[in-house]
Amino acid sequence: MTTAPRVLVLASASPARLGLLKQAGLDPRVVVSGVDEDAIDAETPEELARVLAEAKAEAVAHGGILDGGELVVGCDSVLELDGRALGKPADAAEATARWQAMRGRSGVLRTGHCVIDTVTGRRVSATASTLVRFGTPDDDEVAAYVASGEPLHVAGAFTLDGRSAPFVEGIEGDPGNVIGLSLPLLRTLLADLGVRITDLWA
């Protein structure tokens, strides 16, 4: 008897996360969770990232829109700076203020991951953390970056795979985590559920 292949579902609208999974040989179905991120709070930035990821995965896994048998992956990222969790800036003014505060300093990008096996109902979750060292873009460079619109769509108002890459001097940890998903952590969480990531290759 042949076992049907498992279907991976990404509970996120992030093209960066989808791109990382595809580059790793996976071909997930995308189902956006619709979770109101602003309505969720937590004690620490690390916990907030994990709780948001769990909420997104739960909303999709139990939303009555799946066929059954899927593995649902939820993720959410925040930048921790001065002990505060910074998500996507609300507007251009906030994005500008963020960069004025971040340049020449370091922050920690925290990405929560949650995987739910809809066959067994089991759920595993964890947060990956990567230190980010920001460069020192001048005011004109910050203004040009903010005018591009990119920082309004990414946690912490920056990303490694876009126009802000020249403004990041280095990182310590998993670069994929900064982009939005840690593939090594995903592999570990899947293994905790008894699933090899290689069995999900497209």
N, C-alpha and C. Protein backbone atom coordinates (compact mmCIF):
# COMPACT_ATOMS: atom_id res chain seq x y z
N MET A 1 0.83 -1.18 0.00
CA MET A 1 0.00 0.00 0.00
C MET A 1 0.88 1.25 0.00
N THR A 2 0.61 2.16 -0.93
CA THR A 2 1.41 3.37 -1.04
C THR A 2 0.82 4.48 -0.18
N THR A 3 1.68 5.12 0.59
CA THR A 3 1.24 6.22 1.44
C THR A 3 1.19 7.50 0.62
N ALA A 4 0.10 8.22 0.72
CA ALA A 4 -0.04 9.47 -0.03
C ALA A 4 0.98 10.48 0.49
N PRO A 5 1.58 11.25 -0.42
CA PRO A 5 2.56 12.25 0.02
C PRO A 5 1.90 13.33 0.88
N ARG A 6 2.63 13.81 1.86
CA ARG A 6 2.12 14.86 2.72
C ARG A 6 2.14 16.19 1.98
N VAL A 7 1.17 17.03 2.26
CA VAL A 7 1.09 18.34 1.63
C VAL A 7 1.49 19.39 2.66
N LEU A 8 2.45 20.24 2.28
CA LEU A 8 2.89 21.32 3.14
C LEU A 8 2.08 22.57 2.83
N VAL A 9 1.56 23.20 3.87
CA VAL A 9 0.78 24.43 3.71
C VAL A 9 1.49 25.56 4.45
N LEU A 10 1.74 26.65 3.75
CA LEU A 10 2.36 27.83 4.35
C LEU A 10 1.27 28.81 4.73
N ALA A 11 1.13 29.06 6.03
CA ALA A 11 0.09 29.96 6.53
C ALA A 11 0.62 31.39 6.56
N SER A 12 1.05 31.88 5.41
CA SER A 12 1.66 33.20 5.33
C SER A 12 1.55 33.74 3.91
N ALA A 13 1.37 35.04 3.79
CA ALA A 13 1.32 35.68 2.48
C ALA A 13 2.71 36.14 2.03
N SER A 14 3.73 35.87 2.83
CA SER A 14 5.08 36.38 2.55
C SER A 14 5.71 35.71 1.32
N PRO A 15 5.99 36.48 0.27
CA PRO A 15 6.67 35.89 -0.89
C PRO A 15 8.09 35.47 -0.55
N ALA A 16 8.71 36.12 0.43
CA ALA A 16 10.07 35.75 0.82
C ALA A 16 10.09 34.35 1.46
N ARG A 17 9.11 34.07 2.33
CA ARG A 17 9.05 32.74 2.95
C ARG A 17 8.77 31.67 1.89
N LEU A 18 7.85 31.97 1.00
CA LEU A 18 7.54 31.02 -0.07
C LEU A 18 8.77 30.77 -0.93
N GLY A 19 9.52 31.83 -1.22
CA GLY A 19 10.72 31.68 -2.02
C GLY A 19 11.77 30.81 -1.35
N LEU A 20 11.95 30.97 -0.04
CA LEU A 20 12.90 30.14 0.69
C LEU A 20 12.52 28.67 0.62
N LEU A 21 11.23 28.37 0.80
CA LEU A 21 10.78 26.98 0.75
C LEU A 21 10.97 26.39 -0.64
N LYS A 22 10.66 27.16 -1.66
CA LYS A 22 10.82 26.67 -3.03
C LYS A 22 12.29 26.43 -3.37
N GLN A 23 13.17 27.32 -2.90
CA GLN A 23 14.60 27.13 -3.14
C GLN A 23 15.12 25.88 -2.46
N ALA A 24 14.45 25.46 -1.40
CA ALA A 24 14.86 24.26 -0.66
C ALA A 24 14.18 23.00 -1.19
N GLY A 25 13.52 23.11 -2.33
CA GLY A 25 12.93 21.93 -2.96
C GLY A 25 11.52 21.61 -2.55
N LEU A 26 10.86 22.54 -1.85
CA LEU A 26 9.50 22.32 -1.38
C LEU A 26 8.53 23.12 -2.25
N ASP A 27 7.30 22.69 -2.31
CA ASP A 27 6.30 23.38 -3.12
C ASP A 27 5.01 23.51 -2.31
N PRO A 28 5.02 24.38 -1.32
CA PRO A 28 3.86 24.46 -0.42
C PRO A 28 2.65 25.13 -1.05
N ARG A 29 1.50 24.77 -0.54
CA ARG A 29 0.27 25.49 -0.85
C ARG A 29 0.20 26.68 0.10
N VAL A 30 -0.17 27.83 -0.39
CA VAL A 30 -0.25 29.03 0.44
C VAL A 30 -1.70 29.28 0.84
N VAL A 31 -1.93 29.41 2.15
CA VAL A 31 -3.24 29.76 2.68
C VAL A 31 -3.01 30.86 3.72
N VAL A 32 -3.46 32.06 3.43
CA VAL A 32 -3.24 33.20 4.33
C VAL A 32 -4.16 33.07 5.54
N SER A 33 -3.59 33.30 6.72
CA SER A 33 -4.32 33.03 7.98
C SER A 33 -5.39 34.07 8.29
N GLY A 34 -5.14 35.33 7.96
CA GLY A 34 -6.09 36.39 8.31
C GLY A 34 -6.05 36.78 9.78
N VAL A 35 -5.02 36.34 10.51
CA VAL A 35 -4.91 36.68 11.93
C VAL A 35 -4.63 38.17 12.10
N ASP A 36 -5.31 38.79 13.06
CA ASP A 36 -5.08 40.19 13.40
C ASP A 36 -3.86 40.26 14.32
N GLU A 37 -2.70 40.57 13.75
CA GLU A 37 -1.46 40.56 14.52
C GLU A 37 -1.46 41.59 15.64
N ASP A 38 -2.13 42.70 15.43
CA ASP A 38 -2.14 43.77 16.43
C ASP A 38 -2.92 43.37 17.69
N ALA A 39 -3.76 42.34 17.57
CA ALA A 39 -4.58 41.93 18.71
C ALA A 39 -3.85 40.95 19.63
N ILE A 40 -2.63 40.57 19.27
CA ILE A 40 -1.88 39.57 20.02
C ILE A 40 -0.72 40.23 20.75
N ASP A 41 -0.56 39.88 22.01
CA ASP A 41 0.51 40.45 22.83
C ASP A 41 1.24 39.34 23.57
N ALA A 42 2.43 39.65 24.05
CA ALA A 42 3.22 38.67 24.79
C ALA A 42 4.22 39.41 25.67
N GLU A 43 4.84 38.67 26.58
CA GLU A 43 5.76 39.27 27.55
C GLU A 43 7.06 39.75 26.91
N THR A 44 7.59 38.97 25.94
CA THR A 44 8.88 39.29 25.33
C THR A 44 8.77 39.23 23.81
N PRO A 45 9.68 39.87 23.08
CA PRO A 45 9.67 39.77 21.63
C PRO A 45 9.79 38.33 21.14
N GLU A 46 10.62 37.54 21.80
CA GLU A 46 10.78 36.13 21.41
C GLU A 46 9.46 35.38 21.53
N GLU A 47 8.78 35.60 22.66
CA GLU A 47 7.49 34.93 22.87
C GLU A 47 6.45 35.44 21.88
N LEU A 48 6.47 36.74 21.60
CA LEU A 48 5.51 37.31 20.66
C LEU A 48 5.64 36.67 19.29
N ALA A 49 6.86 36.50 18.81
CA ALA A 49 7.07 35.89 17.50
C ALA A 49 6.49 34.47 17.48
N ARG A 50 6.73 33.72 18.56
CA ARG A 50 6.23 32.34 18.62
C ARG A 50 4.71 32.29 18.69
N VAL A 51 4.12 33.14 19.54
CA VAL A 51 2.67 33.13 19.71
C VAL A 51 1.96 33.54 18.41
N LEU A 52 2.53 34.52 17.70
CA LEU A 52 1.95 34.92 16.42
C LEU A 52 2.01 33.78 15.40
N ALA A 53 3.15 33.08 15.37
CA ALA A 53 3.29 31.94 14.46
C ALA A 53 2.27 30.85 14.79
N GLU A 54 2.08 30.59 16.08
CA GLU A 54 1.11 29.58 16.51
C GLU A 54 -0.31 30.00 16.11
N ALA A 55 -0.63 31.27 16.28
CA ALA A 55 -1.97 31.75 15.95
C ALA A 55 -2.24 31.59 14.45
N LYS A 56 -1.24 31.89 13.63
CA LYS A 56 -1.42 31.77 12.18
C LYS A 56 -1.60 30.31 11.76
N ALA A 57 -0.76 29.44 12.32
CA ALA A 57 -0.87 28.02 11.98
C ALA A 57 -2.20 27.44 12.44
N GLU A 58 -2.62 27.80 13.65
CA GLU A 58 -3.89 27.30 14.20
C GLU A 58 -5.07 27.78 13.35
N ALA A 59 -5.05 29.05 12.93
CA ALA A 59 -6.16 29.60 12.15
C ALA A 59 -6.34 28.85 10.84
N VAL A 60 -5.25 28.47 10.21
CA VAL A 60 -5.33 27.75 8.94
C VAL A 60 -5.65 26.28 9.17
N ALA A 61 -4.99 25.67 10.17
CA ALA A 61 -5.19 24.23 10.42
C ALA A 61 -6.62 23.91 10.83
N HIS A 62 -7.26 24.85 11.56
CA HIS A 62 -8.60 24.59 12.09
C HIS A 62 -9.66 25.51 11.48
N GLY A 63 -9.33 26.07 10.32
CA GLY A 63 -10.25 27.00 9.67
C GLY A 63 -11.28 26.36 8.76
N GLY A 64 -11.23 25.03 8.66
CA GLY A 64 -12.21 24.34 7.83
C GLY A 64 -12.01 24.51 6.33
N ILE A 65 -10.79 24.88 5.93
CA ILE A 65 -10.55 25.12 4.50
C ILE A 65 -9.55 24.14 3.89
N LEU A 66 -9.02 23.22 4.69
CA LEU A 66 -8.06 22.25 4.19
C LEU A 66 -8.75 20.95 3.82
N ASP A 67 -8.02 20.12 3.07
CA ASP A 67 -8.57 18.85 2.61
C ASP A 67 -8.37 17.73 3.63
N GLY A 68 -7.40 17.92 4.52
CA GLY A 68 -7.08 16.87 5.50
C GLY A 68 -5.73 16.25 5.20
N GLY A 69 -4.93 16.05 6.23
CA GLY A 69 -3.63 15.41 6.05
C GLY A 69 -2.48 16.37 5.84
N GLU A 70 -2.74 17.68 5.91
CA GLU A 70 -1.68 18.64 5.64
C GLU A 70 -0.78 18.88 6.86
N LEU A 71 0.39 19.39 6.55
CA LEU A 71 1.32 19.90 7.56
C LEU A 71 1.32 21.42 7.39
N VAL A 72 0.84 22.13 8.40
CA VAL A 72 0.68 23.58 8.31
C VAL A 72 1.84 24.27 9.01
N VAL A 73 2.47 25.20 8.30
CA VAL A 73 3.60 25.96 8.84
C VAL A 73 3.19 27.42 8.99
N GLY A 74 3.27 27.92 10.22
CA GLY A 74 3.03 29.34 10.49
C GLY A 74 4.31 29.99 10.94
N CYS A 75 4.56 31.22 10.49
CA CYS A 75 5.76 31.96 10.89
C CYS A 75 5.41 33.42 11.13
N ASP A 76 6.18 34.06 12.00
CA ASP A 76 6.06 35.50 12.15
C ASP A 76 7.38 36.04 12.69
N SER A 77 7.76 37.21 12.19
CA SER A 77 9.04 37.80 12.57
C SER A 77 8.87 39.16 13.23
N VAL A 78 9.73 39.43 14.20
CA VAL A 78 9.82 40.76 14.81
C VAL A 78 11.30 41.06 15.02
N LEU A 79 11.64 42.34 14.99
CA LEU A 79 12.99 42.77 15.32
C LEU A 79 12.99 43.24 16.76
N GLU A 80 13.90 42.69 17.56
CA GLU A 80 14.03 43.15 18.94
C GLU A 80 15.13 44.20 19.00
N LEU A 81 14.75 45.41 19.42
CA LEU A 81 15.70 46.51 19.57
C LEU A 81 15.36 47.22 20.88
N ASP A 82 16.33 47.34 21.75
CA ASP A 82 16.11 47.96 23.05
C ASP A 82 15.00 47.27 23.84
N GLY A 83 14.89 45.94 23.67
CA GLY A 83 13.90 45.17 24.40
C GLY A 83 12.50 45.25 23.86
N ARG A 84 12.31 45.98 22.77
CA ARG A 84 10.98 46.13 22.17
C ARG A 84 10.88 45.28 20.91
N ALA A 85 9.66 44.81 20.64
CA ALA A 85 9.40 44.05 19.42
C ALA A 85 8.90 45.00 18.34
N LEU A 86 9.62 45.04 17.22
CA LEU A 86 9.26 45.92 16.11
C LEU A 86 8.83 45.07 14.92
N GLY A 87 7.58 45.23 14.52
CA GLY A 87 7.08 44.52 13.34
C GLY A 87 7.20 45.42 12.13
N LYS A 88 6.20 45.40 11.25
CA LYS A 88 6.19 46.27 10.08
C LYS A 88 5.84 47.69 10.52
N PRO A 89 6.57 48.69 10.03
CA PRO A 89 6.23 50.07 10.38
C PRO A 89 4.87 50.46 9.80
N ALA A 90 4.17 51.32 10.52
CA ALA A 90 2.81 51.71 10.10
C ALA A 90 2.82 52.63 8.89
N ASP A 91 3.86 53.45 8.77
CA ASP A 91 3.90 54.42 7.67
C ASP A 91 5.35 54.84 7.42
N ALA A 92 5.53 55.74 6.43
CA ALA A 92 6.87 56.16 6.04
C ALA A 92 7.60 56.87 7.18
N ALA A 93 6.86 57.66 7.95
CA ALA A 93 7.50 58.38 9.05
C ALA A 93 8.06 57.41 10.09
N GLU A 94 7.30 56.35 10.38
CA GLU A 94 7.78 55.36 11.35
C GLU A 94 8.97 54.58 10.79
N ALA A 95 8.94 54.27 9.50
CA ALA A 95 10.05 53.56 8.89
C ALA A 95 11.33 54.41 8.94
N THR A 96 11.19 55.69 8.71
CA THR A 96 12.34 56.60 8.78
C THR A 96 12.89 56.65 10.20
N ALA A 97 12.01 56.78 11.17
CA ALA A 97 12.44 56.83 12.57
C ALA A 97 13.14 55.53 12.97
N ARG A 98 12.63 54.41 12.47
CA ARG A 98 13.24 53.11 12.77
C ARG A 98 14.70 53.09 12.31
N TRP A 99 14.90 53.49 11.05
CA TRP A 99 16.26 53.45 10.51
C TRP A 99 17.18 54.43 11.21
N GLN A 100 16.65 55.56 11.60
CA GLN A 100 17.47 56.51 12.35
C GLN A 100 17.89 55.93 13.69
N ALA A 101 17.04 55.09 14.27
CA ALA A 101 17.36 54.45 15.55
C ALA A 101 18.26 53.22 15.38
N MET A 102 18.12 52.51 14.25
CA MET A 102 18.85 51.25 14.06
C MET A 102 20.26 51.42 13.54
N ARG A 103 20.50 52.44 12.73
CA ARG A 103 21.79 52.53 12.04
C ARG A 103 22.95 52.62 13.02
N GLY A 104 24.00 51.85 12.68
CA GLY A 104 25.17 51.79 13.53
C GLY A 104 25.01 50.91 14.76
N ARG A 105 23.89 50.22 14.87
CA ARG A 105 23.61 49.40 16.05
C ARG A 105 23.31 47.96 15.64
N SER A 106 23.01 47.13 16.62
CA SER A 106 22.64 45.74 16.37
C SER A 106 21.27 45.46 16.98
N GLY A 107 20.54 44.57 16.34
CA GLY A 107 19.27 44.11 16.86
C GLY A 107 19.18 42.61 16.67
N VAL A 108 18.15 41.99 17.21
CA VAL A 108 17.97 40.55 17.07
C VAL A 108 16.66 40.30 16.32
N LEU A 109 16.78 39.63 15.18
CA LEU A 109 15.59 39.28 14.41
C LEU A 109 15.08 37.94 14.93
N ARG A 110 13.86 37.95 15.43
CA ARG A 110 13.28 36.72 16.00
C ARG A 110 12.12 36.26 15.12
N THR A 111 12.18 35.01 14.69
CA THR A 111 11.11 34.45 13.87
C THR A 111 10.51 33.24 14.56
N GLY A 112 9.24 33.34 14.88
CA GLY A 112 8.52 32.22 15.46
C GLY A 112 8.12 31.24 14.36
N HIS A 113 8.19 29.97 14.67
CA HIS A 113 7.81 28.90 13.74
C HIS A 113 6.84 27.96 14.46
N CYS A 114 5.79 27.55 13.79
CA CYS A 114 4.86 26.57 14.33
C CYS A 114 4.46 25.61 13.22
N VAL A 115 4.51 24.33 13.51
CA VAL A 115 4.08 23.31 12.55
C VAL A 115 2.99 22.46 13.19
N ILE A 116 1.88 22.32 12.50
CA ILE A 116 0.76 21.51 12.98
C ILE A 116 0.52 20.37 11.99
N ASP A 117 0.50 19.15 12.51
CA ASP A 117 0.15 17.97 11.71
C ASP A 117 -1.36 17.77 11.83
N THR A 118 -2.08 18.02 10.75
CA THR A 118 -3.54 17.92 10.82
C THR A 118 -4.03 16.48 10.88
N VAL A 119 -3.13 15.52 10.68
CA VAL A 119 -3.52 14.11 10.83
C VAL A 119 -3.59 13.73 12.30
N THR A 120 -2.54 14.09 13.04
CA THR A 120 -2.46 13.70 14.45
C THR A 120 -2.94 14.81 15.39
N GLY A 121 -2.99 16.04 14.90
CA GLY A 121 -3.34 17.16 15.75
C GLY A 121 -2.18 17.68 16.57
N ARG A 122 -1.00 17.09 16.40
CA ARG A 122 0.17 17.51 17.17
C ARG A 122 0.68 18.86 16.67
N ARG A 123 1.22 19.65 17.60
CA ARG A 123 1.75 20.96 17.27
C ARG A 123 3.10 21.14 17.93
N VAL A 124 4.06 21.65 17.17
CA VAL A 124 5.38 21.98 17.73
C VAL A 124 5.72 23.40 17.31
N SER A 125 6.43 24.11 18.19
CA SER A 125 6.78 25.49 17.86
C SER A 125 8.07 25.89 18.56
N ALA A 126 8.74 26.88 17.98
CA ALA A 126 9.99 27.40 18.55
C ALA A 126 10.30 28.72 17.85
N THR A 127 11.24 29.44 18.41
CA THR A 127 11.66 30.71 17.82
C THR A 127 13.14 30.66 17.49
N ALA A 128 13.50 31.12 16.30
CA ALA A 128 14.90 31.23 15.90
C ALA A 128 15.32 32.70 16.01
N SER A 129 16.56 32.93 16.42
CA SER A 129 17.05 34.29 16.63
C SER A 129 18.37 34.51 15.89
N THR A 130 18.48 35.65 15.22
CA THR A 130 19.69 36.00 14.47
C THR A 130 20.07 37.44 14.79
N LEU A 131 21.33 37.65 15.16
CA LEU A 131 21.83 38.99 15.44
C LEU A 131 22.09 39.71 14.11
N VAL A 132 21.61 40.94 14.02
CA VAL A 132 21.79 41.74 12.81
C VAL A 132 22.56 43.00 13.15
N ARG A 133 23.67 43.25 12.43
CA ARG A 133 24.46 44.46 12.62
C ARG A 133 24.14 45.44 11.48
N PHE A 134 23.56 46.56 11.84
CA PHE A 134 23.15 47.53 10.83
C PHE A 134 24.30 48.48 10.49
N GLY A 135 24.34 48.88 9.22
CA GLY A 135 25.31 49.86 8.77
C GLY A 135 24.83 51.27 9.12
N THR A 136 25.42 52.24 8.43
CA THR A 136 25.11 53.64 8.75
C THR A 136 24.68 54.40 7.50
N PRO A 137 23.55 54.02 6.90
CA PRO A 137 23.07 54.81 5.76
C PRO A 137 22.80 56.25 6.19
N ASP A 138 23.14 57.21 5.30
CA ASP A 138 22.90 58.60 5.67
C ASP A 138 21.42 58.94 5.46
N ASP A 139 21.05 60.16 5.81
CA ASP A 139 19.64 60.54 5.75
C ASP A 139 19.06 60.43 4.34
N ASP A 140 19.87 60.78 3.34
CA ASP A 140 19.38 60.69 1.96
C ASP A 140 19.15 59.24 1.55
N GLU A 141 20.03 58.35 1.98
CA GLU A 141 19.87 56.92 1.66
C GLU A 141 18.65 56.36 2.37
N VAL A 142 18.45 56.76 3.61
CA VAL A 142 17.27 56.30 4.34
C VAL A 142 16.00 56.81 3.66
N ALA A 143 16.01 58.07 3.25
CA ALA A 143 14.84 58.65 2.59
C ALA A 143 14.54 57.92 1.28
N ALA A 144 15.58 57.60 0.52
CA ALA A 144 15.39 56.89 -0.74
C ALA A 144 14.84 55.49 -0.49
N TYR A 145 15.36 54.84 0.54
CA TYR A 145 14.87 53.49 0.86
C TYR A 145 13.41 53.51 1.29
N VAL A 146 13.07 54.45 2.14
CA VAL A 146 11.68 54.55 2.60
C VAL A 146 10.76 54.86 1.43
N ALA A 147 11.22 55.73 0.51
CA ALA A 147 10.40 56.10 -0.66
C ALA A 147 10.16 54.90 -1.57
N SER A 148 11.02 53.87 -1.49
CA SER A 148 10.82 52.67 -2.33
C SER A 148 9.60 51.87 -1.89
N GLY A 149 9.16 52.10 -0.65
CA GLY A 149 8.01 51.37 -0.12
C GLY A 149 8.33 50.04 0.51
N GLU A 150 9.51 49.52 0.25
CA GLU A 150 9.86 48.19 0.76
C GLU A 150 9.79 48.06 2.28
N PRO A 151 10.29 49.03 3.05
CA PRO A 151 10.31 48.82 4.51
C PRO A 151 8.94 48.73 5.15
N LEU A 152 7.90 49.16 4.44
CA LEU A 152 6.55 49.09 5.00
C LEU A 152 5.99 47.68 4.99
N HIS A 153 6.66 46.77 4.28
CA HIS A 153 6.13 45.41 4.11
C HIS A 153 6.95 44.34 4.82
N VAL A 154 7.96 44.76 5.59
CA VAL A 154 8.84 43.77 6.22
C VAL A 154 9.05 44.09 7.70
N ALA A 155 9.17 43.03 8.50
CA ALA A 155 9.40 43.21 9.94
C ALA A 155 10.71 43.95 10.18
N GLY A 156 10.68 44.93 11.07
CA GLY A 156 11.87 45.68 11.38
C GLY A 156 12.24 46.73 10.36
N ALA A 157 11.45 46.87 9.30
CA ALA A 157 11.67 47.86 8.24
C ALA A 157 12.93 47.57 7.42
N PHE A 158 13.33 46.30 7.35
CA PHE A 158 14.49 45.94 6.53
C PHE A 158 14.38 44.48 6.12
N THR A 159 15.16 44.11 5.11
CA THR A 159 15.25 42.71 4.72
C THR A 159 16.62 42.45 4.09
N LEU A 160 17.08 41.22 4.16
CA LEU A 160 18.36 40.87 3.57
C LEU A 160 18.27 40.63 2.07
N ASP A 161 17.07 40.39 1.56
CA ASP A 161 16.94 40.03 0.15
C ASP A 161 16.28 41.14 -0.66
N GLY A 162 16.58 42.38 -0.28
CA GLY A 162 15.98 43.50 -1.00
C GLY A 162 16.89 44.70 -1.02
N ARG A 163 16.29 45.89 -1.13
CA ARG A 163 17.05 47.12 -1.29
C ARG A 163 17.83 47.53 -0.05
N SER A 164 17.45 47.00 1.10
CA SER A 164 18.18 47.36 2.33
C SER A 164 19.41 46.51 2.57
N ALA A 165 19.65 45.51 1.72
CA ALA A 165 20.81 44.63 1.92
C ALA A 165 22.13 45.41 2.06
N PRO A 166 22.36 46.48 1.28
CA PRO A 166 23.62 47.21 1.44
C PRO A 166 23.75 47.93 2.78
N PHE A 167 22.65 48.04 3.52
CA PHE A 167 22.67 48.74 4.80
C PHE A 167 22.82 47.79 5.98
N VAL A 168 23.02 46.51 5.70
CA VAL A 168 23.23 45.51 6.77
C VAL A 168 24.67 45.04 6.67
N GLU A 169 25.47 45.30 7.70
CA GLU A 169 26.89 45.00 7.65
C GLU A 169 27.20 43.54 7.91
N GLY A 170 26.34 42.86 8.65
CA GLY A 170 26.59 41.45 8.92
C GLY A 170 25.54 40.87 9.84
N ILE A 171 25.56 39.56 9.94
CA ILE A 171 24.64 38.86 10.83
C ILE A 171 25.39 37.74 11.54
N GLU A 172 24.83 37.30 12.65
CA GLU A 172 25.34 36.12 13.34
C GLU A 172 24.17 35.17 13.53
N GLY A 173 24.18 34.09 12.75
CA GLY A 173 23.08 33.14 12.80
C GLY A 173 22.58 32.81 11.41
N ASP A 174 21.39 32.28 11.33
CA ASP A 174 20.79 31.79 10.09
C ASP A 174 20.28 32.96 9.25
N PRO A 175 20.82 33.18 8.04
CA PRO A 175 20.32 34.28 7.20
C PRO A 175 18.88 34.08 6.76
N GLY A 176 18.48 32.84 6.53
CA GLY A 176 17.10 32.57 6.14
C GLY A 176 16.12 33.04 7.20
N ASN A 177 16.53 32.95 8.46
CA ASN A 177 15.67 33.39 9.54
C ASN A 177 15.37 34.88 9.44
N VAL A 178 16.36 35.66 8.99
CA VAL A 178 16.17 37.10 8.84
C VAL A 178 15.22 37.38 7.67
N ILE A 179 15.29 36.56 6.64
CA ILE A 179 14.40 36.73 5.50
C ILE A 179 12.97 36.32 5.86
N GLY A 180 12.84 35.41 6.84
CA GLY A 180 11.49 35.08 7.29
C GLY A 180 11.23 33.66 7.71
N LEU A 181 12.20 32.74 7.47
CA LEU A 181 11.96 31.34 7.84
C LEU A 181 13.29 30.62 7.98
N SER A 182 13.50 29.96 9.11
CA SER A 182 14.72 29.20 9.33
C SER A 182 14.51 27.76 8.85
N LEU A 183 15.14 27.41 7.75
CA LEU A 183 14.98 26.05 7.22
C LEU A 183 15.56 25.00 8.17
N PRO A 184 16.70 25.24 8.84
CA PRO A 184 17.17 24.25 9.81
C PRO A 184 16.18 24.03 10.96
N LEU A 185 15.56 25.11 11.44
CA LEU A 185 14.58 24.94 12.51
C LEU A 185 13.34 24.22 11.98
N LEU A 186 12.91 24.54 10.77
CA LEU A 186 11.77 23.84 10.19
C LEU A 186 12.05 22.35 10.09
N ARG A 187 13.25 21.99 9.67
CA ARG A 187 13.63 20.57 9.57
C ARG A 187 13.51 19.90 10.94
N THR A 188 13.99 20.59 11.99
CA THR A 188 13.93 20.04 13.34
C THR A 188 12.49 19.86 13.81
N LEU A 189 11.65 20.85 13.56
CA LEU A 189 10.25 20.76 13.99
C LEU A 189 9.52 19.64 13.25
N LEU A 190 9.76 19.52 11.96
CA LEU A 190 9.16 18.42 11.20
C LEU A 190 9.61 17.07 11.75
N ALA A 191 10.90 16.96 12.06
CA ALA A 191 11.43 15.71 12.61
C ALA A 191 10.76 15.38 13.94
N ASP A 192 10.46 16.42 14.74
CA ASP A 192 9.77 16.19 16.02
C ASP A 192 8.38 15.59 15.79
N LEU A 193 7.82 15.84 14.61
CA LEU A 193 6.51 15.27 14.25
C LEU A 193 6.64 13.96 13.47
N GLY A 194 7.88 13.49 13.32
CA GLY A 194 8.10 12.23 12.62
C GLY A 194 8.13 12.36 11.11
N VAL A 195 8.40 13.56 10.61
CA VAL A 195 8.42 13.79 9.16
C VAL A 195 9.81 14.24 8.73
N ARG A 196 10.38 13.60 7.71
CA ARG A 196 11.65 14.04 7.14
C ARG A 196 11.38 15.12 6.11
N ILE A 197 12.17 16.18 6.15
CA ILE A 197 11.96 17.26 5.19
C ILE A 197 12.23 16.79 3.77
N THR A 198 13.10 15.81 3.63
CA THR A 198 13.40 15.28 2.30
C THR A 198 12.20 14.56 1.68
N ASP A 199 11.31 14.06 2.53
CA ASP A 199 10.10 13.40 2.01
C ASP A 199 9.10 14.40 1.46
N LEU A 200 9.33 15.68 1.72
CA LEU A 200 8.42 16.73 1.24
C LEU A 200 8.94 17.40 -0.02
N TRP A 201 10.13 16.98 -0.47
CA TRP A 201 10.67 17.60 -1.68
C TRP A 201 9.73 17.38 -2.86
N ALA A 202 9.56 18.43 -3.65
CA ALA A 202 8.65 18.34 -4.81
C ALA A 202 9.30 17.53 -5.92
